[in-house]
Amino acid sequence: MPVLRIPTPLRAYTNGQSDVTVNGSNISEVLSDLTTQYPTIKLHLFNDGGDLRPFVNLFVGENNIKDLQGVNTPVKDGEKIMLIPSIAGG
């Protein structure tokens, strides 16, 4: 099963877990499983329309899914996925 790396600010919504084992053959299925396991994280990842928020970046290996197939990007068993929220400031 793929492993999703959770950034520190979002770990409060995964019971402090930094790595969450998820089921799915693509990013959409992985995120669905994540939000089933930890429903309170959903608001922080998705907008009211059910789309990923623009500041949410997901990487499969070193590749941003935005540069691949988006939420349809396939993932393999044991693959590492990183969730990285964008940081803004000045």
PDB file of N, CA and C in Angstrom:
ATOM      1  N   MET A   1       0.839  -1.180   0.000  1.00  0.00           N
ATOM      2  CA  MET A   1       0.000   0.000   0.000  1.00  0.00           C
ATOM      3  C   MET A   1       0.885   1.245   0.000  1.00  0.00           C
ATOM      4  N   PRO A   2       0.426   2.303  -0.663  1.00  0.00           N
ATOM      5  CA  PRO A   2       1.194   3.551  -0.648  1.00  0.00           C
ATOM      6  C   PRO A   2       1.234   4.165   0.753  1.00  0.00           C
ATOM      7  N   VAL A   3       2.248   5.000   0.976  1.00  0.00           N
ATOM      8  CA  VAL A   3       2.397   5.709   2.242  1.00  0.00           C
ATOM      9  C   VAL A   3       2.362   7.200   1.942  1.00  0.00           C
ATOM     10  N   LEU A   4       1.483   7.909   2.641  1.00  0.00           N
ATOM     11  CA  LEU A   4       1.326   9.349   2.462  1.00  0.00           C
ATOM     12  C   LEU A   4       1.986  10.065   3.624  1.00  0.00           C
ATOM     13  N   ARG A   5       2.942  10.941   3.306  1.00  0.00           N
ATOM     14  CA  ARG A   5       3.670  11.727   4.308  1.00  0.00           C
ATOM     15  C   ARG A   5       2.853  12.974   4.612  1.00  0.00           C
ATOM     16  N   ILE A   6       2.516  13.172   5.886  1.00  0.00           N
ATOM     17  CA  ILE A   6       1.679  14.288   6.320  1.00  0.00           C
ATOM     18  C   ILE A   6       2.579  15.381   6.906  1.00  0.00           C
ATOM     19  N   PRO A   7       2.418  16.644   6.454  1.00  0.00           N
ATOM     20  CA  PRO A   7       3.240  17.719   7.012  1.00  0.00           C
ATOM     21  C   PRO A   7       2.813  18.049   8.445  1.00  0.00           C
ATOM     22  N   THR A   8       3.728  18.599   9.200  1.00  0.00           N
ATOM     23  CA  THR A   8       3.498  18.897  10.612  1.00  0.00           C
ATOM     24  C   THR A   8       2.197  19.662  10.868  1.00  0.00           C
ATOM     25  N   PRO A   9       1.867  20.729  10.106  1.00  0.00           N
ATOM     26  CA  PRO A   9       0.638  21.471  10.421  1.00  0.00           C
ATOM     27  C   PRO A   9      -0.652  20.652  10.277  1.00  0.00           C
ATOM     28  N   LEU A  10      -0.622  19.577   9.503  1.00  0.00           N
ATOM     29  CA  LEU A  10      -1.829  18.774   9.287  1.00  0.00           C
ATOM     30  C   LEU A  10      -1.871  17.509  10.150  1.00  0.00           C
ATOM     31  N   ARG A  11      -0.842  17.256  10.914  1.00  0.00           N
ATOM     32  CA  ARG A  11      -0.794  16.038  11.724  1.00  0.00           C
ATOM     33  C   ARG A  11      -1.821  16.029  12.849  1.00  0.00           C
ATOM     34  N   ALA A  12      -2.288  17.197  13.238  1.00  0.00           N
ATOM     35  CA  ALA A  12      -3.348  17.262  14.251  1.00  0.00           C
ATOM     36  C   ALA A  12      -4.608  16.565  13.764  1.00  0.00           C
ATOM     37  N   TYR A  13      -4.764  16.454  12.440  1.00  0.00           N
ATOM     38  CA  TYR A  13      -5.956  15.835  11.848  1.00  0.00           C
ATOM     39  C   TYR A  13      -5.749  14.357  11.531  1.00  0.00           C
ATOM     40  N   THR A  14      -4.531  13.854  11.767  1.00  0.00           N
ATOM     41  CA  THR A  14      -4.234  12.428  11.547  1.00  0.00           C
ATOM     42  C   THR A  14      -3.751  11.786  12.848  1.00  0.00           C
ATOM     43  N   ASN A  15      -4.257  12.291  13.968  1.00  0.00           N
ATOM     44  CA  ASN A  15      -3.879  11.769  15.295  1.00  0.00           C
ATOM     45  C   ASN A  15      -2.373  11.788  15.510  1.00  0.00           C
ATOM     46  N   GLY A  16      -1.710  12.809  14.962  1.00  0.00           N
ATOM     47  CA  GLY A  16      -0.272  12.969  15.141  1.00  0.00           C
ATOM     48  C   GLY A  16       0.583  12.126  14.218  1.00  0.00           C
ATOM     49  N   GLN A  17      -0.043  11.371  13.330  1.00  0.00           N
ATOM     50  CA  GLN A  17       0.700  10.486  12.428  1.00  0.00           C
ATOM     51  C   GLN A  17       1.446  11.302  11.364  1.00  0.00           C
ATOM     52  N   SER A  18       2.714  10.996  11.164  1.00  0.00           N
ATOM     53  CA  SER A  18       3.490  11.658  10.111  1.00  0.00           C
ATOM     54  C   SER A  18       3.426  10.875   8.807  1.00  0.00           C
ATOM     55  N   ASP A  19       3.223   9.575   8.906  1.00  0.00           N
ATOM     56  CA  ASP A  19       3.081   8.703   7.738  1.00  0.00           C
ATOM     57  C   ASP A  19       1.787   7.913   7.892  1.00  0.00           C
ATOM     58  N   VAL A  20       0.960   7.960   6.855  1.00  0.00           N
ATOM     59  CA  VAL A  20      -0.311   7.247   6.877  1.00  0.00           C
ATOM     60  C   VAL A  20      -0.320   6.253   5.718  1.00  0.00           C
ATOM     61  N   THR A  21      -0.583   5.008   6.027  1.00  0.00           N
ATOM     62  CA  THR A  21      -0.721   3.992   4.993  1.00  0.00           C
ATOM     63  C   THR A  21      -2.119   4.114   4.413  1.00  0.00           C
ATOM     64  N   VAL A  22      -2.183   4.206   3.076  1.00  0.00           N
ATOM     65  CA  VAL A  22      -3.454   4.435   2.392  1.00  0.00           C
ATOM     66  C   VAL A  22      -3.642   3.398   1.289  1.00  0.00           C
ATOM     67  N   ASN A  23      -4.893   3.175   0.940  1.00  0.00           N
ATOM     68  CA  ASN A  23      -5.228   2.292  -0.173  1.00  0.00           C
ATOM     69  C   ASN A  23      -5.536   3.127  -1.395  1.00  0.00           C
ATOM     70  N   GLY A  24      -5.207   2.606  -2.558  1.00  0.00           N
ATOM     71  CA  GLY A  24      -5.565   3.278  -3.793  1.00  0.00           C
ATOM     72  C   GLY A  24      -4.552   3.033  -4.880  1.00  0.00           C
ATOM     73  N   SER A  25      -5.049   3.060  -6.115  1.00  0.00           N
ATOM     74  CA  SER A  25      -4.165   2.880  -7.263  1.00  0.00           C
ATOM     75  C   SER A  25      -3.857   4.200  -7.952  1.00  0.00           C
ATOM     76  N   ASN A  26      -4.517   5.278  -7.511  1.00  0.00           N
ATOM     77  CA  ASN A  26      -4.202   6.618  -8.018  1.00  0.00           C
ATOM     78  C   ASN A  26      -4.409   7.626  -6.882  1.00  0.00           C
ATOM     79  N   ILE A  27      -4.015   8.857  -7.117  1.00  0.00           N
ATOM     80  CA  ILE A  27      -4.075   9.883  -6.073  1.00  0.00           C
ATOM     81  C   ILE A  27      -5.500  10.106  -5.586  1.00  0.00           C
ATOM     82  N   SER A  28      -6.467  10.108  -6.478  1.00  0.00           N
ATOM     83  CA  SER A  28      -7.861  10.305  -6.083  1.00  0.00           C
ATOM     84  C   SER A  28      -8.301   9.247  -5.071  1.00  0.00           C
ATOM     85  N   GLU A  29      -7.982   7.989  -5.339  1.00  0.00           N
ATOM     86  CA  GLU A  29      -8.351   6.906  -4.425  1.00  0.00           C
ATOM     87  C   GLU A  29      -7.597   7.008  -3.107  1.00  0.00           C
ATOM     88  N   VAL A  30      -6.336   7.405  -3.177  1.00  0.00           N
ATOM     89  CA  VAL A  30      -5.519   7.584  -1.973  1.00  0.00           C
ATOM     90  C   VAL A  30      -6.130   8.664  -1.082  1.00  0.00           C
ATOM     91  N   LEU A  31      -6.516   9.790  -1.689  1.00  0.00           N
ATOM     92  CA  LEU A  31      -7.098  10.883  -0.907  1.00  0.00           C
ATOM     93  C   LEU A  31      -8.456  10.498  -0.349  1.00  0.00           C
ATOM     94  N   SER A  32      -9.210   9.730  -1.092  1.00  0.00           N
ATOM     95  CA  SER A  32     -10.500   9.249  -0.605  1.00  0.00           C
ATOM     96  C   SER A  32     -10.300   8.363   0.627  1.00  0.00           C
ATOM     97  N   ASP A  33      -9.316   7.486   0.566  1.00  0.00           N
ATOM     98  CA  ASP A  33      -9.032   6.623   1.713  1.00  0.00           C
ATOM     99  C   ASP A  33      -8.539   7.445   2.898  1.00  0.00           C
ATOM    100  N   LEU A  34      -7.672   8.419   2.645  1.00  0.00           N
ATOM    101  CA  LEU A  34      -7.169   9.280   3.718  1.00  0.00           C
ATOM    102  C   LEU A  34      -8.321   9.978   4.432  1.00  0.00           C
ATOM    103  N   THR A  35      -9.246  10.554   3.660  1.00  0.00           N
ATOM    104  CA  THR A  35     -10.349  11.296   4.273  1.00  0.00           C
ATOM    105  C   THR A  35     -11.385  10.367   4.911  1.00  0.00           C
ATOM    106  N   THR A  36     -11.396   9.108   4.520  1.00  0.00           N
ATOM    107  CA  THR A  36     -12.245   8.126   5.211  1.00  0.00           C
ATOM    108  C   THR A  36     -11.634   7.781   6.572  1.00  0.00           C
ATOM    109  N   GLN A  37     -10.312   7.611   6.586  1.00  0.00           N
ATOM    110  CA  GLN A  37      -9.619   7.305   7.838  1.00  0.00           C
ATOM    111  C   GLN A  37      -9.616   8.490   8.791  1.00  0.00           C
ATOM    112  N   TYR A  38      -9.446   9.701   8.227  1.00  0.00           N
ATOM    113  CA  TYR A  38      -9.314  10.923   9.026  1.00  0.00           C
ATOM    114  C   TYR A  38     -10.229  12.006   8.432  1.00  0.00           C
ATOM    115  N   PRO A  39     -11.525  11.941   8.701  1.00  0.00           N
ATOM    116  CA  PRO A  39     -12.489  12.860   8.073  1.00  0.00           C
ATOM    117  C   PRO A  39     -12.223  14.348   8.308  1.00  0.00           C
ATOM    118  N   THR A  40     -11.620  14.711   9.431  1.00  0.00           N
ATOM    119  CA  THR A  40     -11.417  16.129   9.723  1.00  0.00           C
ATOM    120  C   THR A  40     -10.358  16.787   8.834  1.00  0.00           C
ATOM    121  N   ILE A  41      -9.547  15.997   8.148  1.00  0.00           N
ATOM    122  CA  ILE A  41      -8.527  16.579   7.270  1.00  0.00           C
ATOM    123  C   ILE A  41      -9.127  17.051   5.942  1.00  0.00           C
ATOM    124  N   LYS A  42     -10.290  16.530   5.596  1.00  0.00           N
ATOM    125  CA  LYS A  42     -10.902  16.812   4.293  1.00  0.00           C
ATOM    126  C   LYS A  42     -11.074  18.309   4.039  1.00  0.00           C
ATOM    127  N   LEU A  43     -11.557  19.037   5.019  1.00  0.00           N
ATOM    128  CA  LEU A  43     -11.774  20.482   4.893  1.00  0.00           C
ATOM    129  C   LEU A  43     -10.488  21.228   4.549  1.00  0.00           C
ATOM    130  N   HIS A  44      -9.360  20.700   4.972  1.00  0.00           N
ATOM    131  CA  HIS A  44      -8.068  21.355   4.753  1.00  0.00           C
ATOM    132  C   HIS A  44      -7.453  21.016   3.399  1.00  0.00           C
ATOM    133  N   LEU A  45      -7.995  20.008   2.733  1.00  0.00           N
ATOM    134  CA  LEU A  45      -7.460  19.590   1.433  1.00  0.00           C
ATOM    135  C   LEU A  45      -8.361  19.949   0.257  1.00  0.00           C
ATOM    136  N   PHE A  46      -9.679  19.967   0.497  1.00  0.00           N
ATOM    137  CA  PHE A  46     -10.644  20.156  -0.587  1.00  0.00           C
ATOM    138  C   PHE A  46     -11.508  21.385  -0.361  1.00  0.00           C
ATOM    139  N   ASN A  47     -11.903  22.040  -1.458  1.00  0.00           N
ATOM    140  CA  ASN A  47     -12.834  23.165  -1.363  1.00  0.00           C
ATOM    141  C   ASN A  47     -14.265  22.639  -1.329  1.00  0.00           C
ATOM    142  N   ASP A  48     -15.239  23.540  -1.267  1.00  0.00           N
ATOM    143  CA  ASP A  48     -16.649  23.139  -1.185  1.00  0.00           C
ATOM    144  C   ASP A  48     -17.113  22.364  -2.409  1.00  0.00           C
ATOM    145  N   GLY A  49     -16.457  22.575  -3.550  1.00  0.00           N
ATOM    146  CA  GLY A  49     -16.811  21.867  -4.774  1.00  0.00           C
ATOM    147  C   GLY A  49     -16.183  20.486  -4.880  1.00  0.00           C
ATOM    148  N   GLY A  50     -15.363  20.112  -3.897  1.00  0.00           N
ATOM    149  CA  GLY A  50     -14.740  18.799  -3.904  1.00  0.00           C
ATOM    150  C   GLY A  50     -13.412  18.743  -4.642  1.00  0.00           C
ATOM    151  N   ASP A  51     -12.926  19.904  -5.095  1.00  0.00           N
ATOM    152  CA  ASP A  51     -11.633  19.955  -5.782  1.00  0.00           C
ATOM    153  C   ASP A  51     -10.517  20.215  -4.780  1.00  0.00           C
ATOM    154  N   LEU A  52      -9.318  19.721  -5.108  1.00  0.00           N
ATOM    155  CA  LEU A  52      -8.159  20.003  -4.259  1.00  0.00           C
ATOM    156  C   LEU A  52      -7.945  21.503  -4.176  1.00  0.00           C
ATOM    157  N   ARG A  53      -7.669  21.981  -2.994  1.00  0.00           N
ATOM    158  CA  ARG A  53      -7.372  23.410  -2.835  1.00  0.00           C
ATOM    159  C   ARG A  53      -6.077  23.733  -3.594  1.00  0.00           C
ATOM    160  N   PRO A  54      -5.989  24.944  -4.148  1.00  0.00           N
ATOM    161  CA  PRO A  54      -4.811  25.282  -4.972  1.00  0.00           C
ATOM    162  C   PRO A  54      -3.484  25.230  -4.221  1.00  0.00           C
ATOM    163  N   PHE A  55      -3.505  25.430  -2.910  1.00  0.00           N
ATOM    164  CA  PHE A  55      -2.252  25.441  -2.154  1.00  0.00           C
ATOM    165  C   PHE A  55      -1.801  24.060  -1.711  1.00  0.00           C
ATOM    166  N   VAL A  56      -2.576  23.028  -2.055  1.00  0.00           N
ATOM    167  CA  VAL A  56      -2.209  21.658  -1.693  1.00  0.00           C
ATOM    168  C   VAL A  56      -1.380  21.055  -2.826  1.00  0.00           C
ATOM    169  N   ASN A  57      -0.170  20.671  -2.499  1.00  0.00           N
ATOM    170  CA  ASN A  57       0.723  20.046  -3.468  1.00  0.00           C
ATOM    171  C   ASN A  57       0.993  18.612  -3.050  1.00  0.00           C
ATOM    172  N   LEU A  58       0.849  17.707  -3.998  1.00  0.00           N
ATOM    173  CA  LEU A  58       1.123  16.301  -3.754  1.00  0.00           C
ATOM    174  C   LEU A  58       2.221  15.850  -4.693  1.00  0.00           C
ATOM    175  N   PHE A  59       3.191  15.156  -4.131  1.00  0.00           N
ATOM    176  CA  PHE A  59       4.317  14.659  -4.900  1.00  0.00           C
ATOM    177  C   PHE A  59       4.362  13.145  -4.834  1.00  0.00           C
ATOM    178  N   VAL A  60       4.503  12.521  -5.981  1.00  0.00           N
ATOM    179  CA  VAL A  60       4.759  11.094  -6.075  1.00  0.00           C
ATOM    180  C   VAL A  60       6.234  10.999  -6.433  1.00  0.00           C
ATOM    181  N   GLY A  61       7.020  10.508  -5.486  1.00  0.00           N
ATOM    182  CA  GLY A  61       8.464  10.585  -5.674  1.00  0.00           C
ATOM    183  C   GLY A  61       8.854  12.065  -5.669  1.00  0.00           C
ATOM    184  N   GLU A  62       9.546  12.495  -6.699  1.00  0.00           N
ATOM    185  CA  GLU A  62       9.968  13.894  -6.804  1.00  0.00           C
ATOM    186  C   GLU A  62       9.079  14.699  -7.734  1.00  0.00           C
ATOM    187  N   ASN A  63       8.003  14.105  -8.233  1.00  0.00           N
ATOM    188  CA  ASN A  63       7.158  14.756  -9.232  1.00  0.00           C
ATOM    189  C   ASN A  63       5.844  15.255  -8.648  1.00  0.00           C
ATOM    190  N   ASN A  64       5.558  16.532  -8.888  1.00  0.00           N
ATOM    191  CA  ASN A  64       4.296  17.126  -8.482  1.00  0.00           C
ATOM    192  C   ASN A  64       3.198  16.542  -9.364  1.00  0.00           C
ATOM    193  N   ILE A  65       2.086  16.117  -8.759  1.00  0.00           N
ATOM    194  CA  ILE A  65       1.014  15.526  -9.561  1.00  0.00           C
ATOM    195  C   ILE A  65       0.439  16.520 -10.561  1.00  0.00           C
ATOM    196  N   LYS A  66       0.622  17.817 -10.299  1.00  0.00           N
ATOM    197  CA  LYS A  66       0.141  18.839 -11.240  1.00  0.00           C
ATOM    198  C   LYS A  66       0.899  18.761 -12.568  1.00  0.00           C
ATOM    199  N   ASP A  67       2.108  18.219 -12.523  1.00  0.00           N
ATOM    200  CA  ASP A  67       2.916  18.045 -13.726  1.00  0.00           C
ATOM    201  C   ASP A  67       2.715  16.661 -14.347  1.00  0.00           C
ATOM    202  N   LEU A  68       1.936  15.820 -13.690  1.00  0.00           N
ATOM    203  CA  LEU A  68       1.680  14.464 -14.182  1.00  0.00           C
ATOM    204  C   LEU A  68       0.229  14.392 -14.657  1.00  0.00           C
ATOM    205  N   GLN A  69      -0.576  13.546 -14.033  1.00  0.00           N
ATOM    206  CA  GLN A  69      -1.970  13.364 -14.433  1.00  0.00           C
ATOM    207  C   GLN A  69      -2.947  13.865 -13.375  1.00  0.00           C
ATOM    208  N   GLY A  70      -2.481  14.803 -12.531  1.00  0.00           N
ATOM    209  CA  GLY A  70      -3.340  15.331 -11.482  1.00  0.00           C
ATOM    210  C   GLY A  70      -3.775  14.228 -10.533  1.00  0.00           C
ATOM    211  N   VAL A  71      -5.047  14.267 -10.106  1.00  0.00           N
ATOM    212  CA  VAL A  71      -5.531  13.263  -9.162  1.00  0.00           C
ATOM    213  C   VAL A  71      -5.647  11.881  -9.794  1.00  0.00           C
ATOM    214  N   ASN A  72      -5.513  11.805 -11.114  1.00  0.00           N
ATOM    215  CA  ASN A  72      -5.520  10.508 -11.799  1.00  0.00           C
ATOM    216  C   ASN A  72      -4.128   9.884 -11.887  1.00  0.00           C
ATOM    217  N   THR A  73      -3.124  10.539 -11.318  1.00  0.00           N
ATOM    218  CA  THR A  73      -1.759  10.016 -11.321  1.00  0.00           C
ATOM    219  C   THR A  73      -1.731   8.664 -10.617  1.00  0.00           C
ATOM    220  N   PRO A  74      -1.240   7.634 -11.300  1.00  0.00           N
ATOM    221  CA  PRO A  74      -1.185   6.312 -10.667  1.00  0.00           C
ATOM    222  C   PRO A  74      -0.124   6.245  -9.577  1.00  0.00           C
ATOM    223  N   VAL A  75      -0.385   5.392  -8.591  1.00  0.00           N
ATOM    224  CA  VAL A  75       0.595   5.127  -7.536  1.00  0.00           C
ATOM    225  C   VAL A  75       0.742   3.617  -7.396  1.00  0.00           C
ATOM    226  N   LYS A  76       1.943   3.225  -7.022  1.00  0.00           N
ATOM    227  CA  LYS A  76       2.250   1.796  -6.882  1.00  0.00           C
ATOM    228  C   LYS A  76       2.254   1.408  -5.407  1.00  0.00           C
ATOM    229  N   ASP A  77       2.144   0.138  -5.180  1.00  0.00           N
ATOM    230  CA  ASP A  77       2.223  -0.400  -3.837  1.00  0.00           C
ATOM    231  C   ASP A  77       3.571  -0.020  -3.226  1.00  0.00           C
ATOM    232  N   GLY A  78       3.552   0.528  -2.026  1.00  0.00           N
ATOM    233  CA  GLY A  78       4.776   0.917  -1.339  1.00  0.00           C
ATOM    234  C   GLY A  78       5.322   2.279  -1.725  1.00  0.00           C
ATOM    235  N   GLU A  79       4.677   2.943  -2.678  1.00  0.00           N
ATOM    236  CA  GLU A  79       5.160   4.246  -3.144  1.00  0.00           C
ATOM    237  C   GLU A  79       4.989   5.300  -2.049  1.00  0.00           C
ATOM    238  N   LYS A  80       5.938   6.239  -2.015  1.00  0.00           N
ATOM    239  CA  LYS A  80       5.888   7.349  -1.066  1.00  0.00           C
ATOM    240  C   LYS A  80       5.241   8.556  -1.742  1.00  0.00           C
ATOM    241  N   ILE A  81       4.238   9.107  -1.078  1.00  0.00           N
ATOM    242  CA  ILE A  81       3.539  10.297  -1.565  1.00  0.00           C
ATOM    243  C   ILE A  81       3.717  11.366  -0.490  1.00  0.00           C
ATOM    244  N   MET A  82       4.085  12.572  -0.913  1.00  0.00           N
ATOM    245  CA  MET A  82       4.266  13.659   0.039  1.00  0.00           C
ATOM    246  C   MET A  82       3.198  14.722  -0.186  1.00  0.00           C
ATOM    247  N   LEU A  83       2.585  15.134   0.906  1.00  0.00           N
ATOM    248  CA  LEU A  83       1.618  16.217   0.907  1.00  0.00           C
ATOM    249  C   LEU A  83       2.331  17.448   1.432  1.00  0.00           C
ATOM    250  N   ILE A  84       2.420  18.475   0.592  1.00  0.00           N
ATOM    251  CA  ILE A  84       3.159  19.672   0.974  1.00  0.00           C
ATOM    252  C   ILE A  84       2.278  20.887   0.733  1.00  0.00           C
ATOM    253  N   PRO A  85       1.833  21.557   1.801  1.00  0.00           N
ATOM    254  CA  PRO A  85       1.034  22.764   1.600  1.00  0.00           C
ATOM    255  C   PRO A  85       1.953  23.926   1.176  1.00  0.00           C
ATOM    256  N   SER A  86       1.447  24.770   0.291  1.00  0.00           N
ATOM    257  CA  SER A  86       2.210  25.951  -0.116  1.00  0.00           C
ATOM    258  C   SER A  86       2.292  26.912   1.053  1.00  0.00           C
ATOM    259  N   ILE A  87       3.376  27.646   1.077  1.00  0.00           N
ATOM    260  CA  ILE A  87       3.576  28.643   2.135  1.00  0.00           C
ATOM    261  C   ILE A  87       3.666  29.999   1.463  1.00  0.00           C
ATOM    262  N   ALA A  88       2.879  30.939   1.983  1.00  0.00           N
ATOM    263  CA  ALA A  88       2.889  32.286   1.419  1.00  0.00           C
ATOM    264  C   ALA A  88       3.339  33.250   2.509  1.00  0.00           C
ATOM    265  N   GLY A  89       3.844  34.343   2.073  1.00  0.00           N
ATOM    266  CA  GLY A  89       4.275  35.343   3.048  1.00  0.00           C
ATOM    267  C   GLY A  89       5.128  36.395   2.376  1.00  0.00           C
ATOM    268  N   GLY A  90       5.536  37.330   3.130  1.00  0.00           N
ATOM    269  CA  GLY A  90       6.328  38.377   2.517  1.00  0.00           C
ATOM    270  C   GLY A  90       7.334  38.943   3.447  1.00  0.00           C
TER     271      GLY A  90
END
